[in-house]
Amino acid sequence: MKRNQKFKNIVETEEDLRSIIGFPSELVKRKVIPYLDEHCTDFISKSPFLVISTSDDKGFCDVSPRGDAPGFAVVLDEKHLIIPERPGNKRIDSMRNILLNSRVGLLLSYLEWKKRLG
């Protein structure tokens, strides 16, 4: 880690960061799964709100809210989620970005559970 006059330490590498934060437990490491399981599907079916993050082919990011009655986002199968496009400003930022870069981030909220999925 480098030092400078304004900050005691400057983090430049993952090694620097791990020396401060440490490492996740095995339980925490296993919480990330590459598919939608029954818990995800149940949570999604009850969520009236989500935020989708996308980026274009140059890495410029966009975050858009989506919402409707619980169940508006539908799990098609363990790898696919249907999120309706509602009439709005007609910018279609998320959809254009997905055509250029299919990686997305999702944050779903179901406030009665006081949990989040994302």
C-alpha atoms as a PDB file:
ATOM      1  CA  MET A   1       0.000   0.000   0.000  1.00  0.00           C
ATOM      2  CA  LYS A   2       1.153   3.460  -0.870  1.00  0.00           C
ATOM      3  CA  ARG A   3       0.974   6.399   1.482  1.00  0.00           C
ATOM      4  CA  ASN A   4       0.401  10.004   0.594  1.00  0.00           C
ATOM      5  CA  GLN A   5      -0.109  13.263   2.471  1.00  0.00           C
ATOM      6  CA  LYS A   6      -3.929  13.235   2.405  1.00  0.00           C
ATOM      7  CA  PHE A   7      -4.529   9.555   3.177  1.00  0.00           C
ATOM      8  CA  LYS A   8      -2.709   7.172   5.476  1.00  0.00           C
ATOM      9  CA  ASN A   9      -2.972   4.252   3.028  1.00  0.00           C
ATOM     10  CA  ILE A  10      -4.034   3.953  -0.591  1.00  0.00           C
ATOM     11  CA  VAL A  11      -5.450   0.591  -1.678  1.00  0.00           C
ATOM     12  CA  GLU A  12      -4.151  -0.434  -5.098  1.00  0.00           C
ATOM     13  CA  THR A  13      -4.495  -4.208  -5.227  1.00  0.00           C
ATOM     14  CA  GLU A  14      -6.824  -6.932  -4.013  1.00  0.00           C
ATOM     15  CA  GLU A  15      -4.021  -8.029  -1.677  1.00  0.00           C
ATOM     16  CA  ASP A  16      -4.063  -4.550  -0.096  1.00  0.00           C
ATOM     17  CA  LEU A  17      -7.821  -4.725   0.262  1.00  0.00           C
ATOM     18  CA  ARG A  18      -7.758  -8.244   1.778  1.00  0.00           C
ATOM     19  CA  SER A  19      -5.150  -7.108   4.312  1.00  0.00           C
ATOM     20  CA  ILE A  20      -7.732  -4.620   5.602  1.00  0.00           C
ATOM     21  CA  ILE A  21     -11.049  -6.461   5.096  1.00  0.00           C
ATOM     22  CA  GLY A  22     -10.055 -10.119   5.362  1.00  0.00           C
ATOM     23  CA  PHE A  23     -11.687 -13.079   3.610  1.00  0.00           C
ATOM     24  CA  PRO A  24     -15.332 -14.248   3.509  1.00  0.00           C
ATOM     25  CA  SER A  25     -16.398 -17.386   5.359  1.00  0.00           C
ATOM     26  CA  GLU A  26     -17.243 -20.570   3.438  1.00  0.00           C
ATOM     27  CA  LEU A  27     -20.947 -19.939   4.129  1.00  0.00           C
ATOM     28  CA  VAL A  28     -20.745 -16.484   2.547  1.00  0.00           C
ATOM     29  CA  LYS A  29     -18.801 -17.845  -0.442  1.00  0.00           C
ATOM     30  CA  ARG A  30     -21.569 -20.409  -1.105  1.00  0.00           C
ATOM     31  CA  LYS A  31     -24.391 -17.820  -1.158  1.00  0.00           C
ATOM     32  CA  VAL A  32     -23.650 -16.911  -4.777  1.00  0.00           C
ATOM     33  CA  ILE A  33     -25.214 -19.416  -7.164  1.00  0.00           C
ATOM     34  CA  PRO A  34     -25.266 -19.369 -10.993  1.00  0.00           C
ATOM     35  CA  TYR A  35     -28.975 -20.185 -11.287  1.00  0.00           C
ATOM     36  CA  LEU A  36     -32.368 -19.261  -9.854  1.00  0.00           C
ATOM     37  CA  ASP A  37     -33.289 -21.812  -7.192  1.00  0.00           C
ATOM     38  CA  GLU A  38     -36.669 -22.230  -5.459  1.00  0.00           C
ATOM     39  CA  HIS A  39     -35.815 -19.545  -2.876  1.00  0.00           C
ATOM     40  CA  CYS A  40     -34.967 -17.029  -5.612  1.00  0.00           C
ATOM     41  CA  THR A  41     -38.099 -17.930  -7.557  1.00  0.00           C
ATOM     42  CA  ASP A  42     -40.305 -17.467  -4.487  1.00  0.00           C
ATOM     43  CA  PHE A  43     -38.676 -14.126  -3.634  1.00  0.00           C
ATOM     44  CA  ILE A  44     -39.020 -12.847  -7.218  1.00  0.00           C
ATOM     45  CA  SER A  45     -42.712 -13.850  -7.324  1.00  0.00           C
ATOM     46  CA  LYS A  46     -43.378 -11.645  -4.274  1.00  0.00           C
ATOM     47  CA  SER A  47     -41.273  -8.656  -5.283  1.00  0.00           C
ATOM     48  CA  PRO A  48     -43.081  -5.536  -6.544  1.00  0.00           C
ATOM     49  CA  PHE A  49     -39.849  -3.674  -7.288  1.00  0.00           C
ATOM     50  CA  LEU A  50     -36.441  -4.243  -8.833  1.00  0.00           C
ATOM     51  CA  VAL A  51     -33.512  -2.227 -10.069  1.00  0.00           C
ATOM     52  CA  ILE A  52     -31.682  -3.416 -13.181  1.00  0.00           C
ATOM     53  CA  SER A  53     -28.132  -2.326 -13.922  1.00  0.00           C
ATOM     54  CA  THR A  54     -26.675  -2.661 -17.396  1.00  0.00           C
ATOM     55  CA  SER A  55     -23.701  -1.334 -19.309  1.00  0.00           C
ATOM     56  CA  ASP A  56     -23.025  -0.752 -22.959  1.00  0.00           C
ATOM     57  CA  ASP A  57     -20.154  -2.207 -24.975  1.00  0.00           C
ATOM     58  CA  LYS A  58     -17.857   0.593 -23.767  1.00  0.00           C
ATOM     59  CA  GLY A  59     -18.646   0.018 -20.088  1.00  0.00           C
ATOM     60  CA  PHE A  60     -20.915   3.037 -19.546  1.00  0.00           C
ATOM     61  CA  CYS A  61     -23.428   2.003 -16.893  1.00  0.00           C
ATOM     62  CA  ASP A  62     -27.140   2.593 -16.420  1.00  0.00           C
ATOM     63  CA  VAL A  63     -29.449   1.721 -13.545  1.00  0.00           C
ATOM     64  CA  SER A  64     -33.213   1.655 -14.029  1.00  0.00           C
ATOM     65  CA  PRO A  65     -36.065   1.003 -11.594  1.00  0.00           C
ATOM     66  CA  ARG A  66     -38.882  -1.363 -12.544  1.00  0.00           C
ATOM     67  CA  GLY A  67     -42.036  -2.034 -10.610  1.00  0.00           C
ATOM     68  CA  ASP A  68     -45.595  -3.315 -10.715  1.00  0.00           C
ATOM     69  CA  ALA A  69     -47.745  -5.727  -8.769  1.00  0.00           C
ATOM     70  CA  PRO A  70     -45.860  -8.600  -7.131  1.00  0.00           C
ATOM     71  CA  GLY A  71     -45.130 -11.212  -9.767  1.00  0.00           C
ATOM     72  CA  PHE A  72     -44.547  -8.705 -12.587  1.00  0.00           C
ATOM     73  CA  ALA A  73     -41.090 -10.261 -13.097  1.00  0.00           C
ATOM     74  CA  VAL A  74     -41.517 -13.902 -14.076  1.00  0.00           C
ATOM     75  CA  VAL A  75     -38.989 -16.726 -13.790  1.00  0.00           C
ATOM     76  CA  LEU A  76     -38.997 -18.583 -17.107  1.00  0.00           C
ATOM     77  CA  ASP A  77     -36.447 -21.186 -15.992  1.00  0.00           C
ATOM     78  CA  GLU A  78     -33.386 -21.355 -13.751  1.00  0.00           C
ATOM     79  CA  LYS A  79     -31.379 -19.085 -16.071  1.00  0.00           C
ATOM     80  CA  HIS A  80     -33.986 -16.685 -17.485  1.00  0.00           C
ATOM     81  CA  LEU A  81     -36.139 -13.966 -15.958  1.00  0.00           C
ATOM     82  CA  ILE A  82     -38.782 -12.015 -17.872  1.00  0.00           C
ATOM     83  CA  ILE A  83     -38.939  -8.331 -16.903  1.00  0.00           C
ATOM     84  CA  PRO A  84     -41.616  -6.371 -18.786  1.00  0.00           C
ATOM     85  CA  GLU A  85     -40.739  -3.121 -20.501  1.00  0.00           C
ATOM     86  CA  ARG A  86     -43.321  -0.497 -19.564  1.00  0.00           C
ATOM     87  CA  PRO A  87     -44.150   2.626 -21.566  1.00  0.00           C
ATOM     88  CA  GLY A  88     -42.086   5.479 -20.236  1.00  0.00           C
ATOM     89  CA  ASN A  89     -39.511   7.866 -21.615  1.00  0.00           C
ATOM     90  CA  LYS A  90     -38.832   5.574 -24.618  1.00  0.00           C
ATOM     91  CA  ARG A  91     -35.054   5.794 -24.136  1.00  0.00           C
ATOM     92  CA  ILE A  92     -34.812   1.956 -23.932  1.00  0.00           C
ATOM     93  CA  ASP A  93     -31.364   2.320 -22.283  1.00  0.00           C
ATOM     94  CA  SER A  94     -31.489  -1.063 -20.547  1.00  0.00           C
ATOM     95  CA  MET A  95     -32.691  -2.918 -23.620  1.00  0.00           C
ATOM     96  CA  ARG A  96     -30.123  -1.267 -25.920  1.00  0.00           C
ATOM     97  CA  ASN A  97     -27.363  -2.051 -23.432  1.00  0.00           C
ATOM     98  CA  ILE A  98     -28.433  -5.700 -23.136  1.00  0.00           C
ATOM     99  CA  LEU A  99     -28.212  -6.040 -26.929  1.00  0.00           C
ATOM    100  CA  LEU A 100     -24.591  -4.837 -26.685  1.00  0.00           C
ATOM    101  CA  ASN A 101     -23.631  -6.546 -23.413  1.00  0.00           C
ATOM    102  CA  SER A 102     -25.837  -9.266 -21.943  1.00  0.00           C
ATOM    103  CA  ARG A 103     -24.444  -8.984 -18.397  1.00  0.00           C
ATOM    104  CA  VAL A 104     -26.909  -7.403 -15.972  1.00  0.00           C
ATOM    105  CA  GLY A 105     -27.171  -6.806 -12.257  1.00  0.00           C
ATOM    106  CA  LEU A 106     -30.483  -7.030 -10.426  1.00  0.00           C
ATOM    107  CA  LEU A 107     -31.590  -5.898  -7.004  1.00  0.00           C
ATOM    108  CA  LEU A 108     -35.072  -7.051  -6.009  1.00  0.00           C
ATOM    109  CA  SER A 109     -36.955  -5.854  -2.987  1.00  0.00           C
ATOM    110  CA  TYR A 110     -39.685  -7.501  -0.987  1.00  0.00           C
ATOM    111  CA  LEU A 111     -40.097  -5.268   2.051  1.00  0.00           C
ATOM    112  CA  GLU A 112     -42.346  -7.543   4.088  1.00  0.00           C
ATOM    113  CA  TRP A 113     -39.429  -9.996   4.321  1.00  0.00           C
ATOM    114  CA  LYS A 114     -37.005  -7.188   5.154  1.00  0.00           C
ATOM    115  CA  LYS A 115     -34.524  -8.944   2.886  1.00  0.00           C
ATOM    116  CA  ARG A 116     -33.151  -8.312  -0.541  1.00  0.00           C
ATOM    117  CA  LEU A 117     -31.993 -10.472  -3.404  1.00  0.00           C
ATOM    118  CA  GLY A 118     -29.144  -9.143  -5.462  1.00  0.00           C
END
